[in-house]
N, C-alpha and C. Protein backbone atom coordinates (compact mmCIF):
# COMPACT_ATOMS: atom_id res chain seq x y z
N MET A 1 0.37 -47.70 -32.50
CA MET A 1 0.80 -47.07 -33.73
C MET A 1 0.00 -45.77 -33.90
N THR A 2 0.68 -44.68 -34.15
CA THR A 2 0.04 -43.39 -34.39
C THR A 2 -0.40 -43.33 -35.85
N THR A 3 -1.65 -42.89 -36.07
CA THR A 3 -2.18 -42.80 -37.44
C THR A 3 -2.73 -41.41 -37.69
N TYR A 4 -2.80 -41.05 -38.95
CA TYR A 4 -3.41 -39.80 -39.38
C TYR A 4 -4.42 -40.17 -40.45
N ASP A 5 -5.70 -39.90 -40.18
CA ASP A 5 -6.79 -40.28 -41.08
C ASP A 5 -6.81 -41.80 -41.29
N GLY A 6 -6.46 -42.54 -40.23
CA GLY A 6 -6.46 -44.00 -40.31
C GLY A 6 -5.27 -44.59 -41.04
N GLN A 7 -4.36 -43.76 -41.52
CA GLN A 7 -3.20 -44.21 -42.28
C GLN A 7 -1.98 -44.32 -41.37
N ALA A 8 -1.29 -45.45 -41.41
CA ALA A 8 -0.08 -45.66 -40.61
C ALA A 8 1.12 -45.11 -41.38
N LEU A 9 1.21 -43.79 -41.43
CA LEU A 9 2.26 -43.12 -42.22
C LEU A 9 3.60 -43.10 -41.49
N PHE A 10 3.59 -43.28 -40.18
CA PHE A 10 4.78 -43.02 -39.37
C PHE A 10 5.31 -44.26 -38.67
N ASP A 11 4.80 -45.45 -38.99
CA ASP A 11 5.14 -46.63 -38.21
C ASP A 11 6.51 -47.22 -38.54
N SER A 12 7.24 -46.63 -39.46
CA SER A 12 8.57 -47.16 -39.77
C SER A 12 9.60 -46.79 -38.71
N GLY A 13 9.30 -45.80 -37.87
CA GLY A 13 10.26 -45.38 -36.85
C GLY A 13 9.57 -44.76 -35.65
N PRO A 14 10.36 -44.41 -34.64
CA PRO A 14 9.78 -43.84 -33.41
C PRO A 14 9.30 -42.40 -33.62
N LEU A 15 8.35 -41.98 -32.77
CA LEU A 15 7.88 -40.60 -32.84
C LEU A 15 7.41 -40.17 -31.46
N ARG A 16 7.25 -38.87 -31.33
CA ARG A 16 6.74 -38.27 -30.09
C ARG A 16 5.80 -37.14 -30.47
N LEU A 17 4.67 -37.06 -29.75
CA LEU A 17 3.72 -35.97 -29.95
C LEU A 17 3.77 -35.03 -28.75
N HIS A 18 3.72 -33.75 -29.04
CA HIS A 18 3.55 -32.75 -27.99
C HIS A 18 2.25 -32.02 -28.31
N VAL A 19 1.26 -32.21 -27.43
CA VAL A 19 -0.05 -31.60 -27.62
C VAL A 19 -0.12 -30.34 -26.78
N GLY A 20 -0.31 -29.21 -27.44
CA GLY A 20 -0.35 -27.93 -26.76
C GLY A 20 -1.67 -27.69 -26.06
N GLY A 21 -1.71 -26.64 -25.28
CA GLY A 21 -2.91 -26.29 -24.53
C GLY A 21 -3.83 -25.39 -25.32
N LEU A 22 -4.95 -25.08 -24.69
CA LEU A 22 -5.93 -24.21 -25.31
C LEU A 22 -5.66 -22.76 -24.93
N GLU A 23 -6.07 -21.86 -25.80
CA GLU A 23 -5.92 -20.43 -25.56
C GLU A 23 -7.19 -19.73 -25.99
N LEU A 24 -7.60 -18.75 -25.20
CA LEU A 24 -8.80 -17.98 -25.50
C LEU A 24 -8.43 -16.76 -26.34
N ARG A 25 -9.09 -16.62 -27.49
CA ARG A 25 -8.97 -15.38 -28.26
C ARG A 25 -9.75 -14.33 -27.50
N HIS A 26 -9.17 -13.17 -27.33
CA HIS A 26 -9.86 -12.16 -26.53
C HIS A 26 -9.41 -10.76 -26.93
N ALA A 27 -10.21 -9.81 -26.50
CA ALA A 27 -9.88 -8.40 -26.69
C ALA A 27 -10.07 -7.70 -25.35
N ASN A 28 -9.10 -6.88 -24.99
CA ASN A 28 -9.21 -6.08 -23.77
C ASN A 28 -9.70 -4.69 -24.16
N GLN A 29 -10.67 -4.20 -23.41
CA GLN A 29 -11.19 -2.86 -23.65
C GLN A 29 -11.23 -2.12 -22.32
N PRO A 30 -10.89 -0.85 -22.34
CA PRO A 30 -10.98 -0.10 -21.08
C PRO A 30 -12.44 0.04 -20.67
N PRO A 31 -12.70 -0.03 -19.36
CA PRO A 31 -14.08 0.13 -18.90
C PRO A 31 -14.54 1.57 -19.07
N ALA A 32 -15.84 1.75 -19.10
CA ALA A 32 -16.40 3.09 -19.24
C ALA A 32 -15.98 3.98 -18.08
N ARG A 33 -15.92 3.40 -16.89
CA ARG A 33 -15.48 4.15 -15.71
C ARG A 33 -14.69 3.24 -14.80
N GLY A 34 -13.74 3.79 -14.14
CA GLY A 34 -13.04 3.03 -13.11
C GLY A 34 -11.83 2.28 -13.62
N ASP A 35 -11.32 1.47 -12.73
CA ASP A 35 -10.11 0.70 -13.00
C ASP A 35 -10.45 -0.63 -13.66
N GLY A 36 -9.41 -1.28 -14.11
CA GLY A 36 -9.57 -2.63 -14.66
C GLY A 36 -9.73 -2.62 -16.16
N THR A 37 -10.31 -3.68 -16.65
CA THR A 37 -10.49 -3.84 -18.08
C THR A 37 -11.73 -4.68 -18.33
N ASN A 38 -12.31 -4.51 -19.46
CA ASN A 38 -13.40 -5.38 -19.91
C ASN A 38 -12.80 -6.40 -20.86
N LEU A 39 -13.01 -7.64 -20.56
CA LEU A 39 -12.50 -8.72 -21.39
C LEU A 39 -13.63 -9.21 -22.28
N VAL A 40 -13.37 -9.22 -23.59
CA VAL A 40 -14.35 -9.71 -24.55
C VAL A 40 -13.82 -11.02 -25.12
N ALA A 41 -14.47 -12.12 -24.75
CA ALA A 41 -14.07 -13.44 -25.25
C ALA A 41 -14.51 -13.60 -26.70
N GLN A 42 -13.59 -14.12 -27.53
CA GLN A 42 -13.87 -14.27 -28.96
C GLN A 42 -13.68 -15.71 -29.42
N GLY A 43 -13.84 -16.66 -28.50
CA GLY A 43 -13.71 -18.07 -28.85
C GLY A 43 -12.31 -18.60 -28.60
N ARG A 44 -12.15 -19.89 -28.77
CA ARG A 44 -10.86 -20.53 -28.53
C ARG A 44 -10.00 -20.57 -29.78
N GLU A 45 -8.71 -20.45 -29.58
CA GLU A 45 -7.74 -20.65 -30.65
C GLU A 45 -7.63 -22.15 -30.93
N GLY A 46 -7.10 -22.50 -32.07
CA GLY A 46 -6.83 -23.90 -32.36
C GLY A 46 -5.72 -24.43 -31.47
N ARG A 47 -5.73 -25.74 -31.24
CA ARG A 47 -4.73 -26.38 -30.39
C ARG A 47 -3.53 -26.80 -31.25
N PRO A 48 -2.31 -26.31 -30.92
CA PRO A 48 -1.13 -26.74 -31.68
C PRO A 48 -0.68 -28.14 -31.23
N ILE A 49 -0.29 -28.94 -32.20
CA ILE A 49 0.26 -30.28 -31.94
C ILE A 49 1.53 -30.40 -32.77
N THR A 50 2.62 -30.82 -32.14
CA THR A 50 3.89 -31.02 -32.84
C THR A 50 4.30 -32.48 -32.72
N GLN A 51 4.69 -33.04 -33.84
CA GLN A 51 5.16 -34.43 -33.89
C GLN A 51 6.61 -34.43 -34.35
N THR A 52 7.47 -35.11 -33.62
CA THR A 52 8.85 -35.30 -34.06
C THR A 52 9.10 -36.79 -34.13
N GLY A 53 9.91 -37.19 -35.09
CA GLY A 53 10.18 -38.62 -35.21
C GLY A 53 11.20 -38.91 -36.27
N SER A 54 11.32 -40.20 -36.57
CA SER A 54 12.24 -40.68 -37.59
C SER A 54 11.51 -41.66 -38.49
N LEU A 55 11.80 -41.56 -39.77
CA LEU A 55 11.33 -42.54 -40.74
C LEU A 55 12.50 -43.44 -41.10
N LEU A 56 12.24 -44.72 -41.27
CA LEU A 56 13.27 -45.67 -41.68
C LEU A 56 12.84 -46.36 -42.96
N ALA A 57 13.80 -46.57 -43.86
CA ALA A 57 13.51 -47.24 -45.13
C ALA A 57 14.73 -48.02 -45.59
N ASP A 58 14.48 -48.98 -46.48
CA ASP A 58 15.57 -49.83 -46.98
C ASP A 58 16.41 -49.17 -48.06
N ASN A 59 15.85 -48.14 -48.73
CA ASN A 59 16.60 -47.48 -49.80
C ASN A 59 16.03 -46.07 -49.99
N PRO A 60 16.76 -45.22 -50.70
CA PRO A 60 16.30 -43.84 -50.88
C PRO A 60 14.94 -43.74 -51.58
N GLN A 61 14.66 -44.61 -52.54
CA GLN A 61 13.37 -44.54 -53.23
C GLN A 61 12.22 -44.87 -52.29
N ALA A 62 12.42 -45.87 -51.42
CA ALA A 62 11.38 -46.20 -50.44
C ALA A 62 11.16 -45.03 -49.49
N MET A 63 12.24 -44.32 -49.14
CA MET A 63 12.10 -43.15 -48.27
C MET A 63 11.34 -42.05 -48.99
N ASN A 64 11.65 -41.84 -50.27
CA ASN A 64 10.91 -40.84 -51.05
C ASN A 64 9.42 -41.15 -51.07
N ASP A 65 9.07 -42.43 -51.16
CA ASP A 65 7.67 -42.83 -51.17
C ASP A 65 7.00 -42.50 -49.83
N LEU A 66 7.70 -42.78 -48.72
CA LEU A 66 7.16 -42.45 -47.40
C LEU A 66 6.94 -40.94 -47.26
N VAL A 67 7.94 -40.18 -47.68
CA VAL A 67 7.85 -38.72 -47.58
C VAL A 67 6.69 -38.20 -48.42
N LYS A 68 6.53 -38.71 -49.62
CA LYS A 68 5.44 -38.25 -50.50
C LYS A 68 4.07 -38.54 -49.89
N GLN A 69 3.92 -39.72 -49.27
CA GLN A 69 2.64 -40.05 -48.63
C GLN A 69 2.30 -39.04 -47.54
N ILE A 70 3.31 -38.61 -46.79
CA ILE A 70 3.08 -37.62 -45.74
C ILE A 70 2.81 -36.25 -46.36
N GLU A 71 3.65 -35.84 -47.30
CA GLU A 71 3.49 -34.52 -47.92
C GLU A 71 2.13 -34.36 -48.62
N ASP A 72 1.57 -35.45 -49.09
CA ASP A 72 0.25 -35.40 -49.73
C ASP A 72 -0.84 -34.98 -48.74
N ARG A 73 -0.57 -35.11 -47.43
CA ARG A 73 -1.56 -34.74 -46.40
C ARG A 73 -1.45 -33.28 -45.98
N VAL A 74 -0.48 -32.55 -46.52
CA VAL A 74 -0.37 -31.11 -46.25
C VAL A 74 -1.27 -30.42 -47.27
N ASP A 75 -2.59 -30.50 -47.01
CA ASP A 75 -3.56 -30.05 -48.01
C ASP A 75 -4.72 -29.24 -47.43
N GLY A 76 -4.65 -28.93 -46.14
CA GLY A 76 -5.69 -28.11 -45.54
C GLY A 76 -6.94 -28.87 -45.11
N VAL A 77 -6.95 -30.17 -45.26
CA VAL A 77 -8.10 -30.99 -44.88
C VAL A 77 -7.95 -31.43 -43.43
N ALA A 78 -9.00 -31.26 -42.63
CA ALA A 78 -8.98 -31.70 -41.23
C ALA A 78 -9.24 -33.20 -41.17
N ARG A 79 -8.39 -33.89 -40.40
CA ARG A 79 -8.48 -35.33 -40.25
C ARG A 79 -8.34 -35.69 -38.77
N THR A 80 -8.41 -36.97 -38.47
CA THR A 80 -8.24 -37.45 -37.10
C THR A 80 -6.82 -37.97 -36.91
N LEU A 81 -6.15 -37.46 -35.88
CA LEU A 81 -4.83 -37.93 -35.47
C LEU A 81 -5.04 -38.84 -34.27
N THR A 82 -4.63 -40.09 -34.38
CA THR A 82 -4.84 -41.06 -33.31
C THR A 82 -3.48 -41.49 -32.76
N GLU A 83 -3.30 -41.30 -31.45
CA GLU A 83 -2.06 -41.69 -30.79
C GLU A 83 -2.01 -43.21 -30.61
N ASP A 84 -0.81 -43.73 -30.37
CA ASP A 84 -0.66 -45.17 -30.20
C ASP A 84 -1.40 -45.69 -28.97
N ASN A 85 -1.74 -44.81 -28.02
CA ASN A 85 -2.51 -45.23 -26.85
C ASN A 85 -4.02 -45.17 -27.10
N GLY A 86 -4.43 -44.82 -28.32
CA GLY A 86 -5.83 -44.78 -28.70
C GLY A 86 -6.50 -43.42 -28.56
N ARG A 87 -5.81 -42.46 -27.95
CA ARG A 87 -6.42 -41.13 -27.81
C ARG A 87 -6.53 -40.47 -29.17
N GLU A 88 -7.70 -39.91 -29.46
CA GLU A 88 -7.96 -39.30 -30.76
C GLU A 88 -8.04 -37.79 -30.65
N TRP A 89 -7.50 -37.14 -31.64
CA TRP A 89 -7.59 -35.69 -31.79
C TRP A 89 -8.30 -35.45 -33.12
N ASN A 90 -9.55 -34.98 -33.05
CA ASN A 90 -10.35 -34.76 -34.25
C ASN A 90 -10.09 -33.37 -34.83
N ASP A 91 -10.43 -33.20 -36.09
CA ASP A 91 -10.33 -31.91 -36.78
C ASP A 91 -8.92 -31.35 -36.76
N VAL A 92 -7.95 -32.18 -37.08
CA VAL A 92 -6.54 -31.81 -37.08
C VAL A 92 -6.06 -31.62 -38.52
N VAL A 93 -5.45 -30.46 -38.77
CA VAL A 93 -4.91 -30.14 -40.10
C VAL A 93 -3.39 -30.20 -40.02
N MET A 94 -2.77 -30.90 -40.96
CA MET A 94 -1.31 -30.94 -41.06
C MET A 94 -0.87 -29.65 -41.75
N LEU A 95 -0.18 -28.80 -41.01
CA LEU A 95 0.25 -27.51 -41.54
C LEU A 95 1.60 -27.56 -42.23
N ARG A 96 2.53 -28.34 -41.66
CA ARG A 96 3.91 -28.28 -42.14
C ARG A 96 4.61 -29.61 -41.87
N PHE A 97 5.28 -30.13 -42.87
CA PHE A 97 6.16 -31.30 -42.74
C PHE A 97 7.57 -30.83 -43.04
N THR A 98 8.47 -30.97 -42.06
CA THR A 98 9.84 -30.51 -42.21
C THR A 98 10.79 -31.70 -42.09
N PRO A 99 11.27 -32.21 -43.22
CA PRO A 99 12.19 -33.34 -43.17
C PRO A 99 13.63 -32.87 -42.96
N GLY A 100 14.40 -33.71 -42.29
CA GLY A 100 15.83 -33.46 -42.15
C GLY A 100 16.57 -34.16 -43.27
N PRO A 101 17.90 -34.21 -43.18
CA PRO A 101 18.67 -34.88 -44.22
C PRO A 101 18.53 -36.40 -44.14
N LEU A 102 18.67 -37.04 -45.27
CA LEU A 102 18.66 -38.50 -45.36
C LEU A 102 20.01 -39.01 -44.86
N VAL A 103 19.98 -39.95 -43.92
CA VAL A 103 21.21 -40.47 -43.31
C VAL A 103 21.29 -41.97 -43.56
N SER A 104 22.45 -42.42 -44.03
CA SER A 104 22.68 -43.84 -44.24
C SER A 104 23.04 -44.50 -42.91
N LEU A 105 22.36 -45.60 -42.62
CA LEU A 105 22.63 -46.38 -41.41
C LEU A 105 23.14 -47.76 -41.81
N GLY A 106 24.09 -47.81 -42.70
CA GLY A 106 24.54 -49.09 -43.23
C GLY A 106 23.57 -49.53 -44.31
N PRO A 107 22.85 -50.63 -44.09
CA PRO A 107 21.93 -51.10 -45.13
C PRO A 107 20.59 -50.35 -45.17
N ARG A 108 20.32 -49.50 -44.18
CA ARG A 108 19.04 -48.78 -44.13
C ARG A 108 19.29 -47.28 -44.15
N PHE A 109 18.18 -46.53 -44.23
CA PHE A 109 18.26 -45.08 -44.27
C PHE A 109 17.29 -44.51 -43.23
N ARG A 110 17.68 -43.36 -42.64
CA ARG A 110 16.85 -42.68 -41.65
C ARG A 110 16.67 -41.23 -42.06
N LEU A 111 15.48 -40.71 -41.77
CA LEU A 111 15.18 -39.31 -42.00
C LEU A 111 14.40 -38.81 -40.77
N ASN A 112 14.99 -37.87 -40.03
CA ASN A 112 14.29 -37.24 -38.91
C ASN A 112 13.37 -36.17 -39.47
N TYR A 113 12.25 -35.93 -38.78
CA TYR A 113 11.28 -34.96 -39.28
C TYR A 113 10.54 -34.29 -38.13
N THR A 114 9.88 -33.20 -38.47
CA THR A 114 8.95 -32.52 -37.58
C THR A 114 7.68 -32.23 -38.37
N ILE A 115 6.54 -32.45 -37.73
CA ILE A 115 5.25 -32.12 -38.34
C ILE A 115 4.52 -31.19 -37.39
N ASP A 116 4.00 -30.09 -37.92
CA ASP A 116 3.18 -29.16 -37.15
C ASP A 116 1.73 -29.32 -37.59
N TYR A 117 0.87 -29.55 -36.61
CA TYR A 117 -0.57 -29.68 -36.84
C TYR A 117 -1.30 -28.55 -36.10
N LEU A 118 -2.56 -28.36 -36.48
CA LEU A 118 -3.44 -27.47 -35.74
C LEU A 118 -4.80 -28.14 -35.63
N GLN A 119 -5.26 -28.34 -34.39
CA GLN A 119 -6.61 -28.84 -34.18
C GLN A 119 -7.53 -27.64 -34.29
N VAL A 120 -8.26 -27.56 -35.38
CA VAL A 120 -9.01 -26.33 -35.68
C VAL A 120 -10.29 -26.20 -34.87
N GLN A 121 -10.82 -27.30 -34.37
CA GLN A 121 -12.02 -27.28 -33.53
C GLN A 121 -11.74 -28.05 -32.24
N PRO A 122 -11.03 -27.44 -31.29
CA PRO A 122 -10.68 -28.16 -30.05
C PRO A 122 -11.90 -28.44 -29.17
């Protein structure tokens, strides 16, 4: 089960995480003489993480409750994102929660979503 800050917010349906790579912040400067460039390293960029999945609920109000619990975490606070295989990503901020339309599946309801995170201290 994937958790965010120890909370099982997403366990009602399937999800997938895509963990991005690292990137070096840098500045290129022309050398004083000759060819090439001087590279000035300015530290690493944050690591992007994207989560896509579906939430399932028995009724629209229960779905609203699930969505609110997730939206409450879009607050700029860095937390730990733990994958279902136990791998942990520390210092992760939830930047954006993008819900899709609510779909009736007979007696249940589904809502597809995307969440964008940033690991601020990779």
